[in-house]
């Protein structure tokens, strides 16, 4: 933010009270820093960050040479309870370098722990 003395001085010279000028400059800086300009890099980065965070909450599952998904954790629990997948099923989500067993994933182990023991 820029509370440049020259900017405030110009507003005072224009006839504005110095406290009002300071407040106006602060308000304009705040508005400008929160503004999203279509096509700007700031907007591009915000969109990419939102898409990455959304993508990292969806899971994919390898099941009989097929890739199933995307699923959220609540759906994973249902698949585990219905025995569509097991703790040994391979899972992947955005940001993971390789597929991993459900039982080895910290985000999924609390779901696996809800399963009844195998007979």
C-alpha atoms as a PDB file:
ATOM      1  CA  UNK A   1       0.000   0.000   0.000  1.00  0.00           C
ATOM      2  CA  UNK A   2       1.154   3.448  -0.800  1.00  0.00           C
ATOM      3  CA  UNK A   3       0.420   6.225   1.679  1.00  0.00           C
ATOM      4  CA  UNK A   4       2.726   8.476  -0.290  1.00  0.00           C
ATOM      5  CA  UNK A   5       3.074  11.882   1.345  1.00  0.00           C
ATOM      6  CA  UNK A   6       2.959  13.571  -2.073  1.00  0.00           C
ATOM      7  CA  UNK A   7      -0.412  11.953  -2.860  1.00  0.00           C
ATOM      8  CA  UNK A   8      -1.881  13.084   0.454  1.00  0.00           C
ATOM      9  CA  UNK A   9      -0.320  16.544   0.033  1.00  0.00           C
ATOM     10  CA  UNK A  10      -1.919  16.921  -3.401  1.00  0.00           C
ATOM     11  CA  UNK A  11      -5.332  16.065  -1.972  1.00  0.00           C
ATOM     12  CA  UNK A  12      -4.805  18.593   0.840  1.00  0.00           C
ATOM     13  CA  UNK A  13      -3.706  21.185  -1.725  1.00  0.00           C
ATOM     14  CA  UNK A  14      -6.889  20.400  -3.612  1.00  0.00           C
ATOM     15  CA  UNK A  15      -8.805  21.435  -0.483  1.00  0.00           C
ATOM     16  CA  UNK A  16      -9.292  18.161   1.356  1.00  0.00           C
ATOM     17  CA  UNK A  17      -8.679  17.813   5.113  1.00  0.00           C
ATOM     18  CA  UNK A  18      -5.438  15.873   5.810  1.00  0.00           C
ATOM     19  CA  UNK A  19      -7.188  13.137   7.853  1.00  0.00           C
ATOM     20  CA  UNK A  20      -9.804  12.731   5.103  1.00  0.00           C
ATOM     21  CA  UNK A  21      -7.030  12.617   2.485  1.00  0.00           C
ATOM     22  CA  UNK A  22      -5.162   9.936   4.469  1.00  0.00           C
ATOM     23  CA  UNK A  23      -8.366   7.927   4.858  1.00  0.00           C
ATOM     24  CA  UNK A  24      -9.194   8.259   1.151  1.00  0.00           C
ATOM     25  CA  UNK A  25      -5.718   7.103   0.107  1.00  0.00           C
ATOM     26  CA  UNK A  26      -5.934   4.114   2.493  1.00  0.00           C
ATOM     27  CA  UNK A  27      -9.381   3.168   1.186  1.00  0.00           C
ATOM     28  CA  UNK A  28      -8.298   3.439  -2.446  1.00  0.00           C
ATOM     29  CA  UNK A  29      -5.183   1.332  -1.768  1.00  0.00           C
ATOM     30  CA  UNK A  30      -7.350  -1.335  -0.140  1.00  0.00           C
ATOM     31  CA  UNK A  31      -9.839  -1.360  -3.005  1.00  0.00           C
ATOM     32  CA  UNK A  32      -7.110  -1.492  -5.623  1.00  0.00           C
ATOM     33  CA  UNK A  33      -5.225  -4.341  -3.922  1.00  0.00           C
ATOM     34  CA  UNK A  34      -8.413  -6.446  -3.702  1.00  0.00           C
ATOM     35  CA  UNK A  35      -9.539  -5.705  -7.252  1.00  0.00           C
ATOM     36  CA  UNK A  36      -9.448  -8.491  -9.790  1.00  0.00           C
ATOM     37  CA  UNK A  37      -8.678  -7.257 -13.284  1.00  0.00           C
ATOM     38  CA  UNK A  38      -9.870  -9.665 -16.008  1.00  0.00           C
ATOM     39  CA  UNK A  39      -6.920 -11.193 -17.827  1.00  0.00           C
ATOM     40  CA  UNK A  40      -4.372 -10.028 -15.253  1.00  0.00           C
ATOM     41  CA  UNK A  41      -1.716 -12.315 -13.788  1.00  0.00           C
ATOM     42  CA  UNK A  42      -3.272 -11.784 -10.345  1.00  0.00           C
ATOM     43  CA  UNK A  43      -6.589 -13.211 -11.606  1.00  0.00           C
ATOM     44  CA  UNK A  44      -4.755 -16.041 -13.401  1.00  0.00           C
ATOM     45  CA  UNK A  45      -2.902 -16.976 -10.187  1.00  0.00           C
ATOM     46  CA  UNK A  46      -6.098 -16.855  -8.113  1.00  0.00           C
ATOM     47  CA  UNK A  47      -7.875 -19.178 -10.572  1.00  0.00           C
ATOM     48  CA  UNK A  48      -4.936 -21.616 -10.637  1.00  0.00           C
ATOM     49  CA  UNK A  49      -4.680 -21.664  -6.835  1.00  0.00           C
ATOM     50  CA  UNK A  50      -8.413 -22.345  -6.502  1.00  0.00           C
ATOM     51  CA  UNK A  51      -8.321 -25.132  -9.100  1.00  0.00           C
ATOM     52  CA  UNK A  52      -5.311 -26.784  -7.452  1.00  0.00           C
ATOM     53  CA  UNK A  53      -6.899 -26.758  -4.015  1.00  0.00           C
ATOM     54  CA  UNK A  54     -10.129 -28.161  -5.464  1.00  0.00           C
ATOM     55  CA  UNK A  55      -8.281 -30.840  -7.416  1.00  0.00           C
ATOM     56  CA  UNK A  56      -6.320 -31.966  -4.366  1.00  0.00           C
ATOM     57  CA  UNK A  57      -9.535 -32.872  -2.518  1.00  0.00           C
ATOM     58  CA  UNK A  58     -10.601 -35.460  -5.142  1.00  0.00           C
ATOM     59  CA  UNK A  59      -9.387 -39.051  -5.075  1.00  0.00           C
ATOM     60  CA  UNK A  60      -9.031 -41.586  -7.889  1.00  0.00           C
ATOM     61  CA  UNK A  61      -9.005 -45.347  -7.360  1.00  0.00           C
ATOM     62  CA  UNK A  62      -7.515 -48.175  -9.428  1.00  0.00           C
ATOM     63  CA  UNK A  63      -9.921 -51.094  -9.384  1.00  0.00           C
ATOM     64  CA  UNK A  64      -9.563 -54.088 -11.728  1.00  0.00           C
ATOM     65  CA  UNK A  65      -7.431 -52.121 -14.205  1.00  0.00           C
ATOM     66  CA  UNK A  66     -10.030 -49.332 -14.299  1.00  0.00           C
ATOM     67  CA  UNK A  67      -9.593 -45.879 -12.842  1.00  0.00           C
ATOM     68  CA  UNK A  68     -12.606 -44.741 -10.834  1.00  0.00           C
ATOM     69  CA  UNK A  69     -13.303 -41.226  -9.646  1.00  0.00           C
ATOM     70  CA  UNK A  70     -13.076 -38.478  -8.792  1.00  0.00           C
ATOM     71  CA  UNK A  71     -14.383 -39.084  -5.258  1.00  0.00           C
ATOM     72  CA  UNK A  72     -14.440 -37.006  -2.081  1.00  0.00           C
ATOM     73  CA  UNK A  73     -13.628 -38.602   1.294  1.00  0.00           C
ATOM     74  CA  UNK A  74     -17.290 -39.176   2.190  1.00  0.00           C
ATOM     75  CA  UNK A  75     -17.736 -41.204  -1.006  1.00  0.00           C
ATOM     76  CA  UNK A  76     -14.516 -43.134  -0.266  1.00  0.00           C
ATOM     77  CA  UNK A  77     -15.967 -44.212   3.077  1.00  0.00           C
ATOM     78  CA  UNK A  78     -19.102 -45.492   1.342  1.00  0.00           C
ATOM     79  CA  UNK A  79     -16.979 -47.428  -1.172  1.00  0.00           C
ATOM     80  CA  UNK A  80     -14.952 -48.944   1.681  1.00  0.00           C
ATOM     81  CA  UNK A  81     -18.074 -49.914   3.656  1.00  0.00           C
ATOM     82  CA  UNK A  82     -19.667 -51.468   0.547  1.00  0.00           C
ATOM     83  CA  UNK A  83     -16.380 -53.326  -0.097  1.00  0.00           C
ATOM     84  CA  UNK A  84     -16.170 -51.825  -3.589  1.00  0.00           C
ATOM     85  CA  UNK A  85     -12.628 -50.919  -2.561  1.00  0.00           C
ATOM     86  CA  UNK A  86     -10.430 -52.190   0.263  1.00  0.00           C
ATOM     87  CA  UNK A  87      -7.603 -50.841   2.358  1.00  0.00           C
ATOM     88  CA  UNK A  88      -5.299 -52.392  -0.277  1.00  0.00           C
ATOM     89  CA  UNK A  89      -6.866 -50.489  -3.198  1.00  0.00           C
ATOM     90  CA  UNK A  90      -4.522 -48.119  -4.982  1.00  0.00           C
ATOM     91  CA  UNK A  91      -5.464 -44.439  -4.687  1.00  0.00           C
ATOM     92  CA  UNK A  92      -4.161 -41.185  -6.110  1.00  0.00           C
ATOM     93  CA  UNK A  93      -4.954 -37.460  -5.990  1.00  0.00           C
ATOM     94  CA  UNK A  94      -3.452 -34.299  -7.465  1.00  0.00           C
ATOM     95  CA  UNK A  95      -0.003 -33.658  -6.024  1.00  0.00           C
ATOM     96  CA  UNK A  96       0.912 -37.304  -5.381  1.00  0.00           C
ATOM     97  CA  UNK A  97       3.850 -38.620  -7.437  1.00  0.00           C
ATOM     98  CA  UNK A  98       2.581 -42.258  -7.517  1.00  0.00           C
ATOM     99  CA  UNK A  99      -0.425 -44.410  -6.669  1.00  0.00           C
ATOM    100  CA  UNK A 100      -0.481 -45.710  -3.071  1.00  0.00           C
ATOM    101  CA  UNK A 101      -2.472 -48.198  -0.982  1.00  0.00           C
ATOM    102  CA  UNK A 102      -5.410 -46.653   0.859  1.00  0.00           C
ATOM    103  CA  UNK A 103      -4.057 -47.934   4.167  1.00  0.00           C
ATOM    104  CA  UNK A 104      -0.788 -46.023   3.662  1.00  0.00           C
ATOM    105  CA  UNK A 105      -2.391 -42.620   3.052  1.00  0.00           C
ATOM    106  CA  UNK A 106      -2.673 -40.415   6.124  1.00  0.00           C
ATOM    107  CA  UNK A 107      -5.778 -38.688   4.723  1.00  0.00           C
ATOM    108  CA  UNK A 108      -7.524 -42.050   4.267  1.00  0.00           C
ATOM    109  CA  UNK A 109      -6.315 -44.068   7.293  1.00  0.00           C
ATOM    110  CA  UNK A 110      -8.990 -42.585   9.534  1.00  0.00           C
ATOM    111  CA  UNK A 111     -11.582 -43.936   7.068  1.00  0.00           C
ATOM    112  CA  UNK A 112      -9.901 -47.346   6.895  1.00  0.00           C
ATOM    113  CA  UNK A 113      -9.950 -47.440  10.713  1.00  0.00           C
ATOM    114  CA  UNK A 114     -13.757 -47.241  10.620  1.00  0.00           C
ATOM    115  CA  UNK A 115     -13.954 -50.579   8.791  1.00  0.00           C
ATOM    116  CA  UNK A 116     -14.852 -53.719  10.715  1.00  0.00           C
ATOM    117  CA  UNK A 117     -12.031 -56.280  10.973  1.00  0.00           C
ATOM    118  CA  UNK A 118     -11.743 -58.853   8.191  1.00  0.00           C
ATOM    119  CA  UNK A 119     -13.039 -62.353   8.948  1.00  0.00           C
END
